[in-house]
């Protein structure tokens, strides 16, 4: 059923905002509608005061209590997905980052990935009285992400590992002759009374045997905040699988190895330092040192590829890794944020080396790892995401 004329005017009034009558609808907002209008106006009304981009607002003010009340209002009037967008806009438009260092402010926010990224960027200046609250907020987000992605990722990766174990080229003593004979019956040679086995099938490897090494090398520059959060969660999920050996490295102009923290993604996140420059070449050099079984290693570089180090050496290192049999994948982003900004020249240079570079959503990451384990052509995979 279509909305009545009165309802359409009411909706236009909420969209247009402005003082009563200034929008031209002639509609007065009362009750909850008035609260919705006030909450929106506090964030979005106003404009450039001097043409230089400085925002003026209708009045969140500069105190944590007033902001906390506003946060309570928007959680009353809007669904959580909208609340998260408005919170992010408030931090950006009204410069509320400082107020996130107040415990009462953190207790009022709707936790999400972007808020976690902001908190991590403040980690080094965060007072001790706030860190406990910040950890609680971050843990809520991380646990929610784990519930969302963990089981699907484990299932996809475990299935791929089992298939790859059966489809590998077994040594003589590992051949499952019964299954090999059944699979090759069509190759029976009557004149010789025997079967020519074109495909050998081996016994599955022992359940606890490490079958693949995974190295996640993650850019922690400021633009990669959401990718840092998701990478930490996925790294802990992969590390929980005994058939994988997972390493996690974060980098800017320095490199930090957080593999020993993979039992707890919150500890991993507090070991990062968002912001700063980027030296991809140095990070790849460190990652190369972690590789002991090249043909069983998947190296995942998560970066927007804006290189501040030595570009030519970075490309030579990647070429050497590919030549050694390491499966190298570049994710320009691991997030739900849509098409990322990235260095197109470096992405093209990597593609010329046979290294795919593309953005990946969290929901697709498990399937991506499964495809990598099975050594499928990832160009086909990227077309489906």
Protein backbone atom coordinates (compact mmCIF):
# COMPACT_ATOMS: atom_id res chain seq x y z
CA UNK A 1 0.00 0.00 0.00
CA UNK A 2 1.37 3.41 -0.96
CA UNK A 3 1.93 6.03 1.72
CA UNK A 4 -0.65 8.75 2.23
CA UNK A 5 0.15 12.34 1.18
CA UNK A 6 0.58 13.28 4.86
CA UNK A 7 3.03 10.43 5.41
CA UNK A 8 5.03 11.38 2.33
CA UNK A 9 5.29 14.98 3.56
CA UNK A 10 6.39 13.73 6.99
CA UNK A 11 9.16 11.67 5.41
CA UNK A 12 10.29 14.59 3.25
CA UNK A 13 10.36 16.77 6.34
CA UNK A 14 12.68 14.29 8.07
CA UNK A 15 14.90 14.12 5.00
CA UNK A 16 15.13 17.87 4.48
CA UNK A 17 15.52 18.90 8.10
CA UNK A 18 15.75 22.59 8.85
CA UNK A 19 13.83 24.83 11.20
CA UNK A 20 10.02 24.46 11.31
CA UNK A 21 8.59 25.70 8.02
CA UNK A 22 12.01 26.31 6.46
CA UNK A 23 11.86 23.14 4.41
CA UNK A 24 8.66 24.08 2.61
CA UNK A 25 6.63 21.03 3.66
CA UNK A 26 4.62 22.83 6.32
CA UNK A 27 4.88 19.75 8.55
CA UNK A 28 5.67 20.10 12.24
CA UNK A 29 7.53 17.21 13.84
CA UNK A 30 6.41 16.04 17.26
CA UNK A 31 7.27 13.27 19.69
CA UNK A 32 9.66 10.64 18.35
CA UNK A 33 9.86 12.44 15.00
CA UNK A 34 11.17 15.50 16.78
CA UNK A 35 13.81 13.38 18.50
CA UNK A 36 14.87 11.80 15.23
CA UNK A 37 15.16 15.22 13.59
CA UNK A 38 17.21 16.58 16.50
CA UNK A 39 19.59 13.60 16.44
CA UNK A 40 20.15 13.97 12.70
CA UNK A 41 20.49 17.75 12.93
CA UNK A 42 23.14 17.49 15.65
CA UNK A 43 25.33 15.53 13.26
CA UNK A 44 24.45 16.62 9.72
CA UNK A 45 22.97 20.13 9.80
CA UNK A 46 25.34 22.94 9.01
CA UNK A 47 28.09 23.30 6.46
CA UNK A 48 31.38 24.93 5.76
CA UNK A 49 31.60 28.01 7.92
CA UNK A 50 34.34 29.66 5.92
CA UNK A 51 34.64 27.65 2.73
CA UNK A 52 37.72 25.87 4.07
CA UNK A 53 36.00 22.68 5.14
CA UNK A 54 35.58 23.37 8.84
CA UNK A 55 32.26 21.85 9.93
CA UNK A 56 29.82 23.49 12.30
CA UNK A 57 27.05 21.41 13.81
CA UNK A 58 23.79 22.04 15.61
CA UNK A 59 25.26 21.01 18.86
CA UNK A 60 26.70 17.77 20.13
CA UNK A 61 28.95 19.96 22.13
CA UNK A 62 32.40 18.99 23.37
CA UNK A 63 31.56 16.99 26.47
CA UNK A 64 31.31 13.25 26.90
CA UNK A 65 27.95 13.38 28.73
CA UNK A 66 26.20 15.25 25.89
CA UNK A 67 27.68 12.90 23.31
CA UNK A 68 26.69 9.89 25.40
CA UNK A 69 23.10 11.19 25.50
CA UNK A 70 23.15 11.64 21.72
CA UNK A 71 24.47 8.10 21.29
CA UNK A 72 21.61 6.86 23.45
CA UNK A 73 19.13 8.77 21.32
CA UNK A 74 20.30 7.37 18.00
CA UNK A 75 20.26 3.84 19.41
CA UNK A 76 16.65 4.46 20.37
CA UNK A 77 15.56 5.79 16.99
CA UNK A 78 17.65 3.83 14.47
CA UNK A 79 18.68 0.21 13.79
CA UNK A 80 22.22 -0.81 14.75
CA UNK A 81 23.51 -0.71 11.16
CA UNK A 82 22.46 2.94 10.87
CA UNK A 83 23.83 3.71 14.33
CA UNK A 84 27.25 2.43 13.28
CA UNK A 85 27.27 4.68 10.22
CA UNK A 86 26.24 7.72 12.27
CA UNK A 87 28.90 7.00 14.89
CA UNK A 88 31.59 6.82 12.21
CA UNK A 89 30.33 10.07 10.68
CA UNK A 90 30.32 11.76 14.09
CA UNK A 91 33.93 10.78 14.75
CA UNK A 92 34.99 12.09 11.33
CA UNK A 93 32.79 15.21 10.98
CA UNK A 94 32.79 16.45 14.56
CA UNK A 95 36.27 15.35 15.64
CA UNK A 96 35.04 13.26 18.55
CA UNK A 97 38.07 10.99 18.66
CA UNK A 98 39.26 12.58 21.91
CA UNK A 99 36.00 11.73 23.62
CA UNK A 100 36.52 8.03 22.92
CA UNK A 101 39.13 8.18 25.65
CA UNK A 102 36.35 8.63 28.21
CA UNK A 103 35.03 5.35 29.73
CA UNK A 104 31.43 6.57 29.83
CA UNK A 105 31.64 7.41 26.14
CA UNK A 106 32.85 3.93 25.23
CA UNK A 107 30.12 2.32 27.29
CA UNK A 108 27.50 4.19 25.23
CA UNK A 109 28.72 3.35 21.73
CA UNK A 110 27.50 0.61 19.40
CA UNK A 111 30.60 -1.55 18.83
CA UNK A 112 31.62 -2.28 15.24
CA UNK A 113 34.72 -2.93 13.16
CA UNK A 114 35.30 0.77 12.38
CA UNK A 115 35.12 1.72 16.05
CA UNK A 116 37.68 -0.98 16.83
CA UNK A 117 39.98 0.52 14.19
CA UNK A 118 39.65 3.96 15.78
CA UNK A 119 40.36 2.59 19.24
CA UNK A 120 43.43 0.74 18.01
CA UNK A 121 44.77 3.94 16.47
CA UNK A 122 44.48 5.52 19.95
CA UNK A 123 46.08 2.58 21.73
CA UNK A 124 49.37 4.30 22.50
CA UNK A 125 47.73 7.42 23.99
CA UNK A 126 44.88 5.68 25.77
CA UNK A 127 44.84 6.22 29.56
CA UNK A 128 44.95 3.06 31.66
CA UNK A 129 41.45 3.77 33.04
CA UNK A 130 40.08 3.51 29.51
CA UNK A 131 41.98 0.42 28.34
CA UNK A 132 39.84 -2.04 30.28
CA UNK A 133 36.66 -0.59 28.77
CA UNK A 134 38.25 -0.50 25.31
CA UNK A 135 39.24 -4.15 25.60
CA UNK A 136 35.68 -5.03 26.54
CA UNK A 137 34.32 -3.17 23.51
CA UNK A 138 36.86 -4.76 21.18
CA UNK A 139 36.22 -8.24 22.57
CA UNK A 140 32.49 -7.87 21.90
CA UNK A 141 33.19 -7.06 18.25
CA UNK A 142 35.77 -9.85 17.89
CA UNK A 143 33.51 -12.49 19.43
CA UNK A 144 30.69 -11.44 17.13
CA UNK A 145 32.99 -11.73 14.10
CA UNK A 146 34.21 -15.13 15.23
CA UNK A 147 30.64 -16.40 15.52
CA UNK A 148 30.01 -15.10 12.02
CA UNK A 149 33.01 -16.55 10.19
CA UNK A 150 34.73 -19.26 12.25
CA UNK A 151 32.63 -22.32 11.47
CA UNK A 152 32.29 -21.53 7.79
CA UNK A 153 36.03 -20.94 7.45
CA UNK A 154 36.99 -24.12 9.29
CA UNK A 155 34.57 -26.20 7.21
CA UNK A 156 35.78 -24.80 3.88
CA UNK A 157 39.46 -25.16 4.76
CA UNK A 158 39.12 -28.64 6.32
CA UNK A 159 37.24 -29.90 3.27
CA UNK A 160 39.91 -28.56 0.94
CA UNK A 161 42.69 -30.12 3.02
CA UNK A 162 40.99 -33.50 2.96
CA UNK A 163 40.47 -33.33 -0.78
CA UNK A 164 44.03 -32.25 -1.42
CA UNK A 165 45.32 -35.13 0.72
CA UNK A 166 43.39 -37.67 -1.38
CA UNK A 167 44.30 -36.05 -4.70
CA UNK A 168 48.01 -35.62 -4.05
CA UNK A 169 50.64 -37.81 -5.69
CA UNK A 170 51.22 -40.51 -3.09
CA UNK A 171 54.47 -42.32 -2.52
CA UNK A 172 54.39 -46.06 -3.18
CA UNK A 173 53.72 -47.09 0.40
CA UNK A 174 50.93 -44.48 0.70
CA UNK A 175 48.88 -45.75 -2.29
CA UNK A 176 45.35 -46.93 -1.48
CA UNK A 177 45.29 -49.79 -3.99
CA UNK A 178 41.60 -50.65 -3.57
CA UNK A 179 40.45 -47.13 -4.40
CA UNK A 180 43.10 -46.76 -7.11
CA UNK A 181 41.89 -49.92 -8.87
CA UNK A 182 38.24 -48.81 -8.71
CA UNK A 183 39.14 -45.40 -10.10
CA UNK A 184 41.05 -46.92 -13.04
CA UNK A 185 38.81 -49.82 -14.10
CA UNK A 186 38.16 -48.14 -17.43
CA UNK A 187 41.87 -48.53 -18.17
CA UNK A 188 41.79 -52.34 -17.94
CA UNK A 189 44.03 -53.91 -20.61
CA UNK A 190 42.46 -57.27 -21.55
CA UNK A 191 45.43 -58.52 -23.54
CA UNK A 192 47.67 -58.13 -20.51
CA UNK A 193 45.06 -58.98 -17.86
CA UNK A 194 45.91 -55.90 -15.86
CA UNK A 195 44.96 -52.30 -15.18
CA UNK A 196 47.12 -49.33 -16.13
CA UNK A 197 46.57 -46.86 -13.24
CA UNK A 198 46.59 -43.38 -14.75
CA UNK A 199 45.54 -41.88 -11.44
CA UNK A 200 47.01 -42.95 -8.10
CA UNK A 201 44.96 -42.37 -4.96
CA UNK A 202 46.66 -42.24 -1.61
CA UNK A 203 45.46 -42.78 1.91
CA UNK A 204 44.42 -39.59 3.67
CA UNK A 205 47.17 -38.11 5.75
CA UNK A 206 47.10 -38.40 9.50
CA UNK A 207 44.48 -36.12 11.02
CA UNK A 208 46.99 -34.06 13.03
CA UNK A 209 49.66 -33.78 10.34
CA UNK A 210 50.45 -30.23 9.22
CA UNK A 211 49.53 -30.10 5.54
CA UNK A 212 49.90 -26.41 4.72
CA UNK A 213 51.81 -23.45 6.10
CA UNK A 214 49.95 -20.13 5.95
CA UNK A 215 51.73 -16.79 6.34
CA UNK A 216 49.49 -13.75 6.70
CA UNK A 217 51.41 -10.51 6.16
CA UNK A 218 49.18 -7.55 7.01
CA UNK A 219 49.66 -3.85 6.27
CA UNK A 220 48.74 -1.83 9.38
CA UNK A 221 48.76 1.61 7.78
CA UNK A 222 45.78 3.73 8.77
CA UNK A 223 43.75 3.02 5.63
CA UNK A 224 43.81 -0.73 6.37
CA UNK A 225 42.08 -0.58 9.78
CA UNK A 226 39.12 -2.86 8.95
CA UNK A 227 41.43 -5.33 7.21
CA UNK A 228 43.62 -5.47 10.32
CA UNK A 229 40.63 -6.40 12.48
CA UNK A 230 39.35 -9.11 10.14
CA UNK A 231 42.86 -10.48 9.55
CA UNK A 232 43.39 -10.93 13.28
CA UNK A 233 40.15 -12.87 13.63
CA UNK A 234 40.85 -15.10 10.63
CA UNK A 235 44.42 -15.73 11.74
CA UNK A 236 43.23 -17.05 15.11
CA UNK A 237 40.64 -19.25 13.38
CA UNK A 238 43.27 -20.74 11.05
CA UNK A 239 45.73 -21.15 13.92
CA UNK A 240 43.16 -23.26 15.77
CA UNK A 241 43.35 -25.91 13.00
CA UNK A 242 46.06 -28.49 13.66
CA UNK A 243 46.52 -29.28 9.99
CA UNK A 244 47.69 -25.72 9.33
CA UNK A 245 50.75 -23.90 10.61
CA UNK A 246 49.74 -20.24 10.69
CA UNK A 247 51.98 -17.20 11.10
CA UNK A 248 50.77 -13.61 11.45
CA UNK A 249 52.93 -10.59 10.70
CA UNK A 250 51.91 -6.92 10.81
CA UNK A 251 53.97 -4.19 9.26
CA UNK A 252 54.30 -0.50 8.55
CA UNK A 253 57.91 0.65 8.19
CA UNK A 254 58.77 -1.96 10.83
CA UNK A 255 57.66 -5.57 11.16
CA UNK A 256 56.08 -7.23 14.20
CA UNK A 257 55.46 -10.97 14.41
CA UNK A 258 52.38 -11.72 16.53
CA UNK A 259 52.21 -15.45 15.87
CA UNK A 260 52.70 -16.22 19.56
CA UNK A 261 49.53 -14.22 20.37
CA UNK A 262 47.21 -16.15 18.07
CA UNK A 263 45.43 -17.80 21.00
CA UNK A 264 43.60 -14.49 21.56
CA UNK A 265 42.66 -12.07 18.73
CA UNK A 266 42.17 -9.20 21.19
CA UNK A 267 45.80 -9.53 22.30
CA UNK A 268 46.77 -9.61 18.63
CA UNK A 269 44.89 -6.38 17.96
CA UNK A 270 46.44 -4.61 20.93
CA UNK A 271 49.83 -5.60 19.53
CA UNK A 272 49.20 -3.57 16.38
CA UNK A 273 49.88 0.09 15.82
CA UNK A 274 47.68 1.59 13.12
CA UNK A 275 49.12 4.44 11.08
CA UNK A 276 52.59 5.30 9.91
CA UNK A 277 54.39 4.53 6.68
CA UNK A 278 54.61 1.33 4.66
CA UNK A 279 57.59 -0.85 3.73
CA UNK A 280 56.14 -3.86 1.91
CA UNK A 281 59.54 -5.03 0.74
CA UNK A 282 60.81 -5.37 4.31
CA UNK A 283 57.67 -7.24 5.34
CA UNK A 284 57.95 -9.69 2.45
CA UNK A 285 61.63 -10.26 3.28
CA UNK A 286 60.64 -11.18 6.83
CA UNK A 287 57.84 -13.42 5.56
CA UNK A 288 60.25 -15.25 3.26
CA UNK A 289 62.28 -16.17 6.32
CA UNK A 290 59.28 -17.97 7.79
CA UNK A 291 58.94 -20.31 4.82
CA UNK A 292 60.44 -23.77 5.30
CA UNK A 293 58.27 -25.76 2.84
CA UNK A 294 57.78 -23.58 -0.25
CA UNK A 295 55.44 -25.92 -2.15
CA UNK A 296 53.21 -26.34 0.87
CA UNK A 297 53.09 -22.63 1.75
CA UNK A 298 50.38 -20.07 1.09
CA UNK A 299 51.65 -16.51 1.51
CA UNK A 300 48.86 -13.92 1.81
CA UNK A 301 49.85 -10.26 1.60
CA UNK A 302 47.04 -7.95 2.72
CA UNK A 303 47.91 -4.43 1.58
CA UNK A 304 46.76 -1.56 -0.60
CA UNK A 305 50.24 -1.81 -2.21
CA UNK A 306 51.25 1.82 -1.64
CA UNK A 307 54.92 1.01 -1.24
CA UNK A 308 57.24 3.30 0.69
CA UNK A 309 60.18 0.90 0.44
CA UNK A 310 62.14 -0.39 -2.54
CA UNK A 311 59.57 -1.31 -5.18
CA UNK A 312 61.87 -3.16 -7.59
CA UNK A 313 63.27 -5.30 -4.79
CA UNK A 314 59.74 -6.06 -3.58
CA UNK A 315 58.79 -7.35 -7.03
CA UNK A 316 62.00 -9.41 -7.26
CA UNK A 317 61.22 -11.03 -3.93
CA UNK A 318 57.69 -11.91 -5.03
CA UNK A 319 59.01 -13.36 -8.29
CA UNK A 320 61.51 -15.47 -6.33
CA UNK A 321 58.75 -16.75 -4.04
CA UNK A 322 56.57 -17.72 -6.99
CA UNK A 323 59.54 -19.41 -8.65
CA UNK A 324 60.18 -21.44 -5.50
CA UNK A 325 56.63 -22.79 -5.60
CA UNK A 326 55.11 -20.60 -2.89
CA UNK A 327 51.50 -19.71 -3.59
CA UNK A 328 51.36 -15.91 -3.26
CA UNK A 329 48.05 -14.07 -2.96
CA UNK A 330 47.56 -10.32 -2.55
CA UNK A 331 44.38 -8.99 -0.96
CA UNK A 332 43.94 -5.27 -1.53
CA UNK A 333 41.46 -5.29 1.35
CA UNK A 334 39.80 -7.83 3.63
CA UNK A 335 36.62 -5.99 4.55
CA UNK A 336 33.03 -5.15 3.66
CA UNK A 337 33.86 -1.59 2.67
CA UNK A 338 33.50 -1.99 -1.10
CA UNK A 339 36.09 -1.18 -3.74
CA UNK A 340 39.33 -0.14 -2.02
CA UNK A 341 41.86 2.47 -3.07
CA UNK A 342 45.14 0.82 -4.08
CA UNK A 343 48.29 1.27 -6.17
CA UNK A 344 47.16 0.07 -9.60
CA UNK A 345 50.71 0.01 -11.03
CA UNK A 346 51.95 -2.37 -8.34
CA UNK A 347 48.84 -4.53 -8.68
CA UNK A 348 49.45 -4.80 -12.44
CA UNK A 349 53.11 -5.65 -11.90
CA UNK A 350 52.16 -8.44 -9.51
CA UNK A 351 49.55 -9.76 -11.93
CA UNK A 352 52.27 -9.97 -14.58
CA UNK A 353 54.15 -12.25 -12.19
CA UNK A 354 51.11 -14.50 -11.90
CA UNK A 355 50.08 -13.17 -8.50
CA UNK A 356 46.38 -12.27 -8.24
CA UNK A 357 45.59 -9.00 -6.46
CA UNK A 358 41.97 -8.34 -5.49
CA UNK A 359 39.72 -7.31 -2.63
CA UNK A 360 38.00 -10.01 -0.59
CA UNK A 361 35.00 -9.83 1.73
CA UNK A 362 35.12 -11.65 5.07
CA UNK A 363 32.34 -13.99 3.94
CA UNK A 364 34.46 -15.16 0.98
CA UNK A 365 37.77 -15.60 2.81
CA UNK A 366 37.19 -19.22 3.83
CA UNK A 367 36.34 -20.19 0.25
CA UNK A 368 39.42 -18.31 -0.96
CA UNK A 369 41.68 -20.29 1.37
CA UNK A 370 40.01 -23.52 0.24
CA UNK A 371 40.67 -22.61 -3.40
CA UNK A 372 44.30 -21.80 -2.58
CA UNK A 373 44.80 -25.11 -0.74
CA UNK A 374 43.46 -26.97 -3.79
CA UNK A 375 45.66 -24.81 -6.05
CA UNK A 376 42.72 -23.77 -8.17
CA UNK A 377 43.07 -20.90 -10.62
CA UNK A 378 42.23 -17.91 -8.43
CA UNK A 379 41.38 -15.78 -11.44
CA UNK A 380 38.27 -17.92 -11.78
CA UNK A 381 37.61 -17.54 -8.06
CA UNK A 382 37.87 -13.74 -8.14
CA UNK A 383 35.27 -13.54 -10.90
CA UNK A 384 32.71 -15.05 -8.52
CA UNK A 385 33.17 -12.67 -5.58
